[in-house]
Amino acid sequence: GIQVQLEQARSQLGAVGMRPEMPLRYKAVNPNGHAISGLAKMMVHHFEFFELRLDQGVEVWDLSTATRVAHQMEEVPRGVIIGVPCTLPAGEEKLFEVRAVQAATGNTTSSFRLQGVEGVFDVAQNEAGVQHGSLFLETPFVHIAWQEERGIISWFDKQNRMELLDRRQEQGAFTPVYEITAVPDRSQMTIVRQRMGRNRKGLAVQRAVGKLAAVESSSSGSVWAAAELRYSLPGTSLFLLELRAHAHAPRVDVIVRINKDHRWEPEN
């Protein structure tokens, strides 16, 4: 099946089974016919992370150039993901190694940084020009700001020195909008939907705009700045908007997580 083919492909690329004292080496591969840039994400399981004493400090080395590279870590259910900025020409490969560093050396380039809005500092900044506060994120490429209820009000391109959001906008960037059309007679539900086509709204549509209720967390490091914004929105019990602005490229990843209420009526 697909899993077998995946394991065969990994084996051909040099993947091996676990063994004692095996170095934490990861290969980034670009199979495309064009160059790519992004984050190379390396998974370290919980037992590896603590047994190898990575909690005392981490270094990531690019073995092709024998240089230490910037990295940033985030906790996930299975362990820790270590991300490094990576650019690969078409068909090229790059080998990374994660090494433990004794805390006394001070050589680690990144550590966990997770700060809630009610934290003890308002602004955190590092040598990469990445910073965050309770109301903004900033990298060398972009400055993103938000306000309570209104949400994201500014998305400033620092390289071109221009605001990317229309000041006349009714809603902030990525602000959720919820629509529902009441159907008094449930026996007519199918007929009403058929008349709507793909645009799930009728003449009596009820529209609600999400309000920014809280910043669940914000963080910054050598590779990215991130924030998780929580909106209150009718029709949902949870709406989270995660922003991740990269420090080494003009790129922002946006992730939306929704827990939607169950309704029979047509929704948008």
Protein backbone atom coordinates (compact mmCIF):
# COMPACT_ATOMS: atom_id res chain seq x y z
CA GLY A 1 0.00 0.00 0.00
CA ILE A 2 0.90 3.68 0.22
CA GLN A 3 2.61 3.23 3.62
CA VAL A 4 4.90 0.54 2.19
CA GLN A 5 5.81 2.73 -0.77
CA LEU A 6 6.51 5.63 1.59
CA GLU A 7 8.85 3.50 3.70
CA GLN A 8 10.63 2.27 0.56
CA ALA A 9 11.12 5.84 -0.64
CA ARG A 10 12.47 6.89 2.76
CA SER A 11 14.86 3.93 2.79
CA GLN A 12 16.19 4.91 -0.66
CA LEU A 13 16.82 8.41 0.67
CA GLY A 14 18.88 7.04 3.55
CA ALA A 15 16.36 6.55 6.37
CA VAL A 16 17.32 3.83 8.83
CA GLY A 17 15.74 2.17 11.85
CA MET A 18 16.41 3.36 15.39
CA ARG A 19 19.49 2.12 17.21
CA PRO A 20 21.33 3.09 20.42
CA GLU A 21 23.37 6.32 20.30
CA MET A 22 22.11 7.13 16.82
CA PRO A 23 22.74 10.80 15.91
CA LEU A 24 19.68 12.94 15.25
CA ARG A 25 20.19 13.56 11.53
CA TYR A 26 17.48 14.72 9.14
CA LYS A 27 17.55 15.03 5.36
CA ALA A 28 15.57 17.77 3.59
CA VAL A 29 14.82 16.85 -0.04
CA ASN A 30 13.44 18.99 -2.86
CA PRO A 31 11.88 16.61 -5.43
CA ASN A 32 10.53 19.48 -7.55
CA GLY A 33 11.84 20.92 -10.78
CA HIS A 34 12.17 24.37 -9.21
CA ALA A 35 13.79 25.87 -6.12
CA ILE A 36 11.80 25.97 -2.88
CA SER A 37 12.17 27.91 0.37
CA GLY A 38 10.47 27.32 3.68
CA LEU A 39 10.81 25.64 7.04
CA ALA A 40 12.41 22.24 7.38
CA LYS A 41 10.59 20.64 10.33
CA MET A 42 12.35 17.93 12.32
CA MET A 43 10.42 15.77 14.78
CA VAL A 44 12.07 14.77 18.07
CA HIS A 45 10.01 12.42 20.24
CA HIS A 46 9.61 13.04 23.97
CA PHE A 47 11.87 10.18 25.02
CA GLU A 48 14.65 11.33 22.66
CA PHE A 49 14.34 14.95 23.72
CA PHE A 50 14.92 14.27 27.40
CA GLU A 51 17.20 11.22 27.20
CA LEU A 52 19.58 13.16 24.95
CA ARG A 53 19.34 16.18 27.29
CA LEU A 54 18.10 18.47 24.56
CA ASP A 55 16.08 20.27 27.20
CA GLN A 56 19.39 21.76 28.43
CA GLY A 57 20.14 23.35 25.07
CA VAL A 58 19.96 22.61 21.35
CA GLU A 59 22.12 23.30 18.32
CA VAL A 60 21.21 22.56 14.71
CA TRP A 61 24.04 22.08 12.21
CA ASP A 62 23.93 22.14 8.41
CA LEU A 63 26.33 19.26 7.68
CA SER A 64 26.86 20.30 4.04
CA THR A 65 28.45 23.58 5.15
CA ALA A 66 29.49 22.58 8.69
CA THR A 67 27.73 25.64 10.08
CA ARG A 68 25.31 26.17 12.96
CA VAL A 69 21.93 27.45 11.77
CA ALA A 70 19.09 29.36 13.41
CA HIS A 71 16.25 27.24 14.70
CA GLN A 72 13.10 27.40 16.78
CA MET A 73 11.20 24.75 18.72
CA GLU A 74 7.55 24.11 19.47
CA GLU A 75 5.91 21.46 21.59
CA VAL A 76 3.45 19.07 19.92
CA PRO A 77 1.60 16.05 21.36
CA ARG A 78 4.30 13.53 20.32
CA GLY A 79 7.30 15.61 21.34
CA VAL A 80 9.07 18.63 19.89
CA ILE A 81 9.29 19.99 16.35
CA ILE A 82 12.47 21.90 15.50
CA GLY A 83 12.14 24.24 12.51
CA VAL A 84 14.99 25.71 10.48
CA PRO A 85 14.77 28.03 7.45
CA CYS A 86 15.83 26.11 4.36
CA THR A 87 16.29 26.95 0.66
CA LEU A 88 16.91 24.13 -1.81
CA PRO A 89 17.52 24.29 -5.59
CA ALA A 90 15.64 21.85 -7.80
CA GLY A 91 16.45 18.24 -6.93
CA GLU A 92 18.89 19.17 -4.16
CA GLU A 93 19.23 17.73 -0.65
CA LYS A 94 20.50 19.07 2.65
CA LEU A 95 21.48 17.19 5.80
CA PHE A 96 20.87 18.61 9.28
CA GLU A 97 21.95 17.32 12.68
CA VAL A 98 20.41 18.20 16.03
CA ARG A 99 22.90 18.21 18.90
CA ALA A 100 22.60 18.69 22.63
CA VAL A 101 24.41 21.61 24.17
CA GLN A 102 25.33 21.98 27.80
CA ALA A 103 23.50 24.97 29.27
CA ALA A 104 26.78 26.47 30.52
CA THR A 105 28.12 26.97 26.97
CA GLY A 106 25.36 29.35 25.98
CA ASN A 107 25.48 28.14 22.36
CA THR A 108 21.83 27.31 21.91
CA THR A 109 20.19 29.51 19.29
CA SER A 110 16.61 29.07 20.40
CA SER A 111 14.46 27.82 23.21
CA PHE A 112 10.77 27.48 23.93
CA ARG A 113 9.10 30.88 24.19
CA LEU A 114 5.39 30.97 24.90
CA GLN A 115 3.92 34.06 26.47
CA GLY A 116 0.25 34.69 27.20
CA VAL A 117 -1.26 38.13 26.84
CA GLU A 118 -1.38 38.58 30.58
CA GLY A 119 2.37 37.92 30.84
CA VAL A 120 5.03 39.87 32.61
CA PHE A 121 6.37 41.66 29.56
CA ASP A 122 4.70 43.69 26.82
CA VAL A 123 7.30 43.30 24.06
CA ALA A 124 9.86 40.58 23.38
CA GLN A 125 12.55 41.02 20.72
CA ASN A 126 15.63 39.06 19.64
CA GLU A 127 18.64 39.38 17.38
CA ALA A 128 16.70 38.23 14.30
CA GLY A 129 14.49 41.35 14.42
CA VAL A 130 11.48 39.24 15.41
CA GLN A 131 9.27 40.54 18.19
CA HIS A 132 5.78 40.20 19.60
CA GLY A 133 3.52 41.99 22.01
CA SER A 134 -0.05 41.67 23.16
CA LEU A 135 -1.29 43.62 20.12
CA PHE A 136 1.22 42.91 17.33
CA LEU A 137 3.76 40.64 15.61
CA GLU A 138 6.81 41.91 13.75
CA THR A 139 9.60 40.48 11.60
CA PRO A 140 12.07 42.20 9.24
CA PHE A 141 9.40 41.80 6.54
CA VAL A 142 6.03 42.53 8.12
CA HIS A 143 4.26 44.23 11.02
CA ILE A 144 0.81 42.85 11.90
CA ALA A 145 -1.39 44.61 14.46
CA TRP A 146 -4.83 43.90 15.92
CA GLN A 147 -7.37 45.46 18.25
CA GLU A 148 -9.91 44.06 20.67
CA GLU A 149 -13.17 43.10 18.90
CA ARG A 150 -12.03 44.51 15.51
CA GLY A 151 -9.31 41.93 14.97
CA ILE A 152 -6.42 42.49 12.55
CA ILE A 153 -6.35 46.17 11.54
CA SER A 154 -2.90 46.49 9.92
CA TRP A 155 -0.70 44.30 7.73
CA PHE A 156 2.31 46.46 6.87
CA ASP A 157 4.85 45.36 4.23
CA LYS A 158 8.14 46.72 5.62
CA GLN A 159 10.17 46.01 2.48
CA ASN A 160 7.89 47.99 0.17
CA ARG A 161 6.80 50.37 2.93
CA MET A 162 3.11 49.96 2.21
CA GLU A 163 -0.05 48.98 4.08
CA LEU A 164 -1.64 45.90 2.51
CA LEU A 165 -5.09 46.31 4.07
CA ASP A 166 -7.70 48.69 2.72
CA ARG A 167 -8.47 51.25 5.43
CA ARG A 168 -12.09 51.31 4.19
CA GLN A 169 -12.59 47.66 4.99
CA GLU A 170 -15.63 46.72 7.05
CA GLN A 171 -13.89 43.84 8.80
CA GLY A 172 -10.32 43.09 9.83
CA ALA A 173 -8.16 40.66 7.89
CA PHE A 174 -9.33 37.04 8.33
CA THR A 175 -12.21 38.13 10.56
CA PRO A 176 -14.78 35.33 10.41
CA VAL A 177 -18.28 36.06 9.10
CA TYR A 178 -21.16 33.66 9.79
CA GLU A 179 -24.45 33.49 7.88
CA ILE A 180 -27.52 31.34 8.47
CA THR A 181 -30.88 31.26 6.70
CA ALA A 182 -33.85 30.19 8.78
CA VAL A 183 -36.14 27.52 7.33
CA PRO A 184 -39.39 27.49 9.40
CA ASP A 185 -40.69 24.27 7.86
CA ARG A 186 -38.06 21.52 8.16
CA SER A 187 -39.83 19.48 5.50
CA GLN A 188 -38.81 22.21 3.01
CA MET A 189 -35.08 22.03 3.91
CA THR A 190 -34.03 20.23 0.73
CA ILE A 191 -36.09 22.48 -1.56
CA VAL A 192 -34.70 25.64 0.06
CA ARG A 193 -31.12 24.43 -0.38
CA GLN A 194 -31.71 23.46 -4.00
CA ARG A 195 -32.94 26.96 -4.80
CA MET A 196 -29.83 28.51 -3.25
CA GLY A 197 -27.32 26.56 -5.29
CA ARG A 198 -23.77 26.85 -4.00
CA ASN A 199 -24.26 30.24 -2.39
CA ARG A 200 -25.87 29.06 0.85
CA LYS A 201 -27.96 32.07 1.71
CA GLY A 202 -31.53 33.17 1.18
CA LEU A 203 -33.37 36.50 1.29
CA ALA A 204 -33.81 36.19 5.06
CA VAL A 205 -30.14 35.47 5.76
CA GLN A 206 -28.88 36.45 9.22
CA ARG A 207 -25.27 37.66 9.23
CA ALA A 208 -22.88 37.94 12.21
CA VAL A 209 -19.29 39.19 12.30
CA GLY A 210 -16.80 37.58 14.67
CA LYS A 211 -15.26 39.67 17.45
CA LEU A 212 -11.68 39.26 18.66
CA ALA A 213 -12.13 38.10 22.25
CA ALA A 214 -8.62 37.19 23.39
CA VAL A 215 -5.05 36.44 22.38
CA GLU A 216 -4.55 32.91 23.64
CA SER A 217 -0.76 33.01 23.25
CA SER A 218 2.06 34.77 21.45
CA SER A 219 5.69 33.79 20.97
CA SER A 220 8.84 34.75 19.09
CA GLY A 221 12.24 33.25 18.44
CA SER A 222 15.04 33.08 15.88
CA VAL A 223 12.84 31.74 13.08
CA TRP A 224 9.26 32.99 13.52
CA ALA A 225 6.83 35.06 15.56
CA ALA A 226 3.40 33.58 16.26
CA ALA A 227 0.10 34.49 17.87
CA GLU A 228 -3.17 32.64 18.37
CA LEU A 229 -6.25 34.86 18.26
CA ARG A 230 -9.60 33.66 19.62
CA TYR A 231 -12.82 35.07 18.17
CA SER A 232 -16.36 34.87 19.46
CA LEU A 233 -18.60 33.89 16.54
CA PRO A 234 -22.24 32.72 16.45
CA GLY A 235 -22.59 29.24 15.01
CA THR A 236 -19.29 28.09 16.53
CA SER A 237 -18.12 27.09 19.97
CA LEU A 238 -14.48 27.75 19.03
CA PHE A 239 -12.76 29.87 16.38
CA LEU A 240 -8.96 30.19 16.59
CA LEU A 241 -6.80 32.10 14.11
CA GLU A 242 -3.08 31.34 14.27
CA LEU A 243 -0.56 33.67 12.61
CA ARG A 244 3.05 32.61 12.04
CA ALA A 245 5.32 35.26 10.51
CA HIS A 246 8.68 33.98 9.24
CA ALA A 247 11.89 35.79 10.15
CA HIS A 248 13.88 34.81 7.04
CA ALA A 249 11.30 35.27 4.29
CA PRO A 250 8.33 37.55 3.43
CA ARG A 251 5.84 34.88 4.43
CA VAL A 252 3.05 34.51 6.97
CA ASP A 253 1.26 31.21 7.58
CA VAL A 254 -2.39 31.47 8.64
CA ILE A 255 -4.13 28.51 10.29
CA VAL A 256 -7.84 28.47 11.17
CA ARG A 257 -9.35 26.04 13.65
CA ILE A 258 -13.14 25.88 13.97
CA ASN A 259 -15.46 23.85 16.17
CA LYS A 260 -18.81 24.44 14.49
CA ASP A 261 -22.23 23.98 16.04
CA HIS A 262 -24.52 21.46 14.35
CA ARG A 263 -27.38 23.17 12.50
CA TRP A 264 -29.76 21.93 9.82
CA GLU A 265 -30.31 25.36 8.32
CA PRO A 266 -28.15 26.50 5.39
CA GLU A 267 -24.94 28.21 6.58
CA ASN A 268 -21.99 30.15 5.18
